[in-house]
Amino acid sequence: MRAKLERIGLPFKGIECYGSQIVVTCWSRDAADRWASFLARFAKFLGITQSVDHAKENRGTCLLPTTVDVWRAFARIR
């Protein structure tokens, strides 16, 4: 399922599939909205959440790590 979703052509940061659940992490709200409309075609769309991820390269200290804003789109296959 993950490989098929990666070939769609929509921008994403990461795609995780847990059984019947799909979580798509996007860099922008616009990309998350486009994933939401695509996922709603074949799955029950659950929502979009704004969150933060830790950056790969930490520019702060260990007490204040560098983070980036991301949006996650959630869906469950019917």
N, C-alpha and C. Protein backbone atom coordinates (compact mmCIF):
# COMPACT_ATOMS: atom_id res chain seq x y z
N MET A 1 0.82 -1.18 0.00
CA MET A 1 0.00 0.00 0.00
C MET A 1 0.88 1.26 0.00
N ARG A 2 1.93 1.23 0.81
CA ARG A 2 2.81 2.39 0.89
C ARG A 2 3.46 2.70 -0.46
N ALA A 3 3.92 1.67 -1.15
CA ALA A 3 4.57 1.87 -2.44
C ALA A 3 3.60 2.47 -3.46
N LYS A 4 2.36 2.03 -3.42
CA LYS A 4 1.36 2.59 -4.34
C LYS A 4 1.08 4.04 -4.05
N LEU A 5 0.99 4.41 -2.76
CA LEU A 5 0.72 5.80 -2.39
C LEU A 5 1.89 6.71 -2.73
N GLU A 6 3.11 6.19 -2.67
CA GLU A 6 4.27 7.01 -3.01
C GLU A 6 4.31 7.37 -4.49
N ARG A 7 3.70 6.54 -5.34
CA ARG A 7 3.71 6.78 -6.79
C ARG A 7 2.60 7.71 -7.25
N ILE A 8 1.77 8.21 -6.36
CA ILE A 8 0.63 9.06 -6.73
C ILE A 8 1.09 10.36 -7.37
N GLY A 9 2.15 10.95 -6.84
CA GLY A 9 2.65 12.21 -7.39
C GLY A 9 2.34 13.41 -6.51
N LEU A 10 1.70 13.20 -5.37
CA LEU A 10 1.44 14.29 -4.44
C LEU A 10 2.64 14.44 -3.50
N PRO A 11 2.94 15.69 -3.10
CA PRO A 11 4.11 15.88 -2.22
C PRO A 11 3.86 15.34 -0.81
N PHE A 12 4.88 14.75 -0.21
CA PHE A 12 4.78 14.22 1.14
C PHE A 12 6.15 14.18 1.78
N LYS A 13 6.16 14.09 3.11
CA LYS A 13 7.40 13.90 3.85
C LYS A 13 7.57 12.44 4.21
N GLY A 14 6.48 11.79 4.57
CA GLY A 14 6.53 10.39 4.93
C GLY A 14 5.14 9.76 4.88
N ILE A 15 5.11 8.47 4.60
CA ILE A 15 3.85 7.72 4.56
C ILE A 15 4.04 6.48 5.43
N GLU A 16 3.12 6.30 6.37
CA GLU A 16 3.13 5.10 7.20
C GLU A 16 1.79 4.39 7.08
N CYS A 17 1.83 3.09 7.00
CA CYS A 17 0.62 2.27 6.96
C CYS A 17 0.68 1.28 8.10
N TYR A 18 -0.35 1.34 8.95
CA TYR A 18 -0.45 0.44 10.11
C TYR A 18 -1.72 -0.37 9.96
N GLY A 19 -1.64 -1.55 9.37
CA GLY A 19 -2.83 -2.36 9.16
C GLY A 19 -3.77 -1.65 8.20
N SER A 20 -4.93 -1.21 8.69
CA SER A 20 -5.89 -0.51 7.84
C SER A 20 -5.78 1.00 7.98
N GLN A 21 -4.83 1.50 8.76
CA GLN A 21 -4.68 2.94 8.96
C GLN A 21 -3.56 3.50 8.10
N ILE A 22 -3.79 4.71 7.60
CA ILE A 22 -2.81 5.39 6.75
C ILE A 22 -2.52 6.76 7.38
N VAL A 23 -1.24 7.09 7.52
CA VAL A 23 -0.82 8.39 8.03
C VAL A 23 0.15 8.99 7.02
N VAL A 24 -0.21 10.16 6.48
CA VAL A 24 0.65 10.84 5.51
C VAL A 24 1.14 12.12 6.16
N THR A 25 2.46 12.29 6.27
CA THR A 25 3.07 13.49 6.84
C THR A 25 3.48 14.40 5.69
N CYS A 26 3.02 15.67 5.76
CA CYS A 26 3.27 16.64 4.69
C CYS A 26 3.99 17.87 5.24
N TRP A 27 4.67 18.58 4.34
CA TRP A 27 5.38 19.79 4.72
C TRP A 27 4.46 21.00 4.83
N SER A 28 3.29 20.98 4.14
CA SER A 28 2.40 22.15 4.14
C SER A 28 0.96 21.73 4.30
N ARG A 29 0.12 22.68 4.70
CA ARG A 29 -1.31 22.42 4.88
C ARG A 29 -1.97 22.16 3.52
N ASP A 30 -1.52 22.84 2.49
CA ASP A 30 -2.08 22.65 1.16
C ASP A 30 -1.86 21.21 0.68
N ALA A 31 -0.67 20.69 0.89
CA ALA A 31 -0.39 19.30 0.50
C ALA A 31 -1.23 18.33 1.31
N ALA A 32 -1.43 18.61 2.60
CA ALA A 32 -2.27 17.75 3.43
C ALA A 32 -3.72 17.77 2.96
N ASP A 33 -4.20 18.93 2.51
CA ASP A 33 -5.57 19.01 1.97
C ASP A 33 -5.71 18.19 0.69
N ARG A 34 -4.69 18.22 -0.15
CA ARG A 34 -4.74 17.42 -1.38
C ARG A 34 -4.71 15.93 -1.07
N TRP A 35 -3.92 15.53 -0.08
CA TRP A 35 -3.93 14.13 0.34
C TRP A 35 -5.27 13.74 0.92
N ALA A 36 -5.89 14.66 1.66
CA ALA A 36 -7.20 14.37 2.25
C ALA A 36 -8.23 14.09 1.18
N SER A 37 -8.25 14.90 0.14
CA SER A 37 -9.23 14.67 -0.93
C SER A 37 -8.94 13.38 -1.69
N PHE A 38 -7.66 13.03 -1.84
CA PHE A 38 -7.33 11.78 -2.51
C PHE A 38 -7.69 10.57 -1.65
N LEU A 39 -7.34 10.61 -0.37
CA LEU A 39 -7.61 9.47 0.51
C LEU A 39 -9.11 9.25 0.71
N ALA A 40 -9.90 10.31 0.64
CA ALA A 40 -11.35 10.19 0.82
C ALA A 40 -12.01 9.41 -0.31
N ARG A 41 -11.33 9.24 -1.43
CA ARG A 41 -11.90 8.49 -2.55
C ARG A 41 -12.07 7.00 -2.24
N PHE A 42 -11.13 6.43 -1.46
CA PHE A 42 -11.18 4.99 -1.22
C PHE A 42 -11.11 4.62 0.26
N ALA A 43 -10.96 5.59 1.14
CA ALA A 43 -10.85 5.31 2.58
C ALA A 43 -11.67 6.34 3.35
N LYS A 44 -11.93 6.05 4.60
CA LYS A 44 -12.63 7.00 5.46
C LYS A 44 -11.59 7.99 5.99
N PHE A 45 -11.74 9.24 5.60
CA PHE A 45 -10.80 10.27 6.02
C PHE A 45 -11.10 10.66 7.47
N LEU A 46 -10.08 10.69 8.32
CA LEU A 46 -10.27 10.95 9.74
C LEU A 46 -9.92 12.37 10.16
N GLY A 47 -8.99 13.02 9.47
CA GLY A 47 -8.67 14.40 9.83
C GLY A 47 -7.24 14.78 9.52
N ILE A 48 -6.96 16.08 9.74
CA ILE A 48 -5.62 16.65 9.54
C ILE A 48 -5.20 17.28 10.86
N THR A 49 -3.95 17.05 11.24
CA THR A 49 -3.41 17.59 12.48
C THR A 49 -2.09 18.28 12.21
N GLN A 50 -1.91 19.47 12.79
CA GLN A 50 -0.62 20.14 12.71
C GLN A 50 0.24 19.62 13.85
N SER A 51 1.50 19.34 13.55
CA SER A 51 2.40 18.77 14.54
C SER A 51 3.82 19.27 14.27
N VAL A 52 4.77 18.80 15.06
CA VAL A 52 6.18 19.13 14.83
C VAL A 52 6.99 17.85 14.78
N ASP A 53 8.00 17.84 13.96
CA ASP A 53 8.96 16.74 13.88
C ASP A 53 10.33 17.30 14.23
N HIS A 54 11.16 16.45 14.78
CA HIS A 54 12.53 16.86 15.06
C HIS A 54 13.32 16.88 13.76
N ALA A 55 14.11 17.91 13.58
CA ALA A 55 14.93 18.04 12.38
C ALA A 55 16.05 17.01 12.40
N LYS A 56 16.51 16.59 11.22
CA LYS A 56 17.61 15.63 11.14
C LYS A 56 18.90 16.23 11.68
N GLU A 57 19.12 17.50 11.38
CA GLU A 57 20.33 18.18 11.85
C GLU A 57 19.91 19.13 12.97
N ASN A 58 20.37 18.87 14.17
CA ASN A 58 20.01 19.69 15.32
C ASN A 58 20.89 20.93 15.35
N ARG A 59 20.27 22.12 15.31
CA ARG A 59 21.03 23.36 15.37
C ARG A 59 20.95 23.99 16.75
N GLY A 60 20.17 23.40 17.63
CA GLY A 60 20.05 23.91 18.99
C GLY A 60 20.87 23.05 19.94
N THR A 61 20.40 23.00 21.18
CA THR A 61 21.06 22.17 22.18
C THR A 61 20.21 20.93 22.39
N CYS A 62 20.70 20.02 23.21
CA CYS A 62 19.93 18.81 23.48
C CYS A 62 18.68 19.13 24.30
N LEU A 63 18.67 20.25 25.01
CA LEU A 63 17.50 20.65 25.78
C LEU A 63 16.47 21.41 24.94
N LEU A 64 16.89 21.95 23.81
CA LEU A 64 16.00 22.68 22.91
C LEU A 64 16.28 22.24 21.48
N PRO A 65 15.81 21.05 21.07
CA PRO A 65 16.13 20.54 19.74
C PRO A 65 15.42 21.34 18.64
N THR A 66 15.99 21.31 17.46
CA THR A 66 15.41 21.98 16.30
C THR A 66 14.22 21.18 15.80
N THR A 67 13.10 21.87 15.55
CA THR A 67 11.89 21.21 15.07
C THR A 67 11.40 21.89 13.80
N VAL A 68 10.59 21.16 13.04
CA VAL A 68 9.95 21.69 11.84
C VAL A 68 8.45 21.41 11.94
N ASP A 69 7.64 22.35 11.41
CA ASP A 69 6.20 22.17 11.40
C ASP A 69 5.79 21.22 10.29
N VAL A 70 4.91 20.29 10.59
CA VAL A 70 4.38 19.35 9.60
C VAL A 70 2.88 19.19 9.83
N TRP A 71 2.20 18.68 8.83
CA TRP A 71 0.78 18.38 8.92
C TRP A 71 0.60 16.91 8.59
N ARG A 72 -0.24 16.22 9.36
CA ARG A 72 -0.49 14.79 9.16
C ARG A 72 -1.94 14.58 8.76
N ALA A 73 -2.14 13.82 7.70
CA ALA A 73 -3.48 13.43 7.24
C ALA A 73 -3.70 11.98 7.60
N PHE A 74 -4.82 11.70 8.26
CA PHE A 74 -5.14 10.36 8.74
C PHE A 74 -6.33 9.80 7.98
N ALA A 75 -6.27 8.50 7.66
CA ALA A 75 -7.38 7.82 7.00
C ALA A 75 -7.38 6.35 7.42
N ARG A 76 -8.54 5.72 7.28
CA ARG A 76 -8.67 4.30 7.58
C ARG A 76 -9.39 3.64 6.41
N ILE A 77 -8.83 2.54 5.92
CA ILE A 77 -9.44 1.84 4.79
C ILE A 77 -10.74 1.21 5.26
N ARG A 78 -11.77 1.42 4.46
CA ARG A 78 -13.12 0.91 4.82
C ARG A 78 -13.20 -0.57 4.71
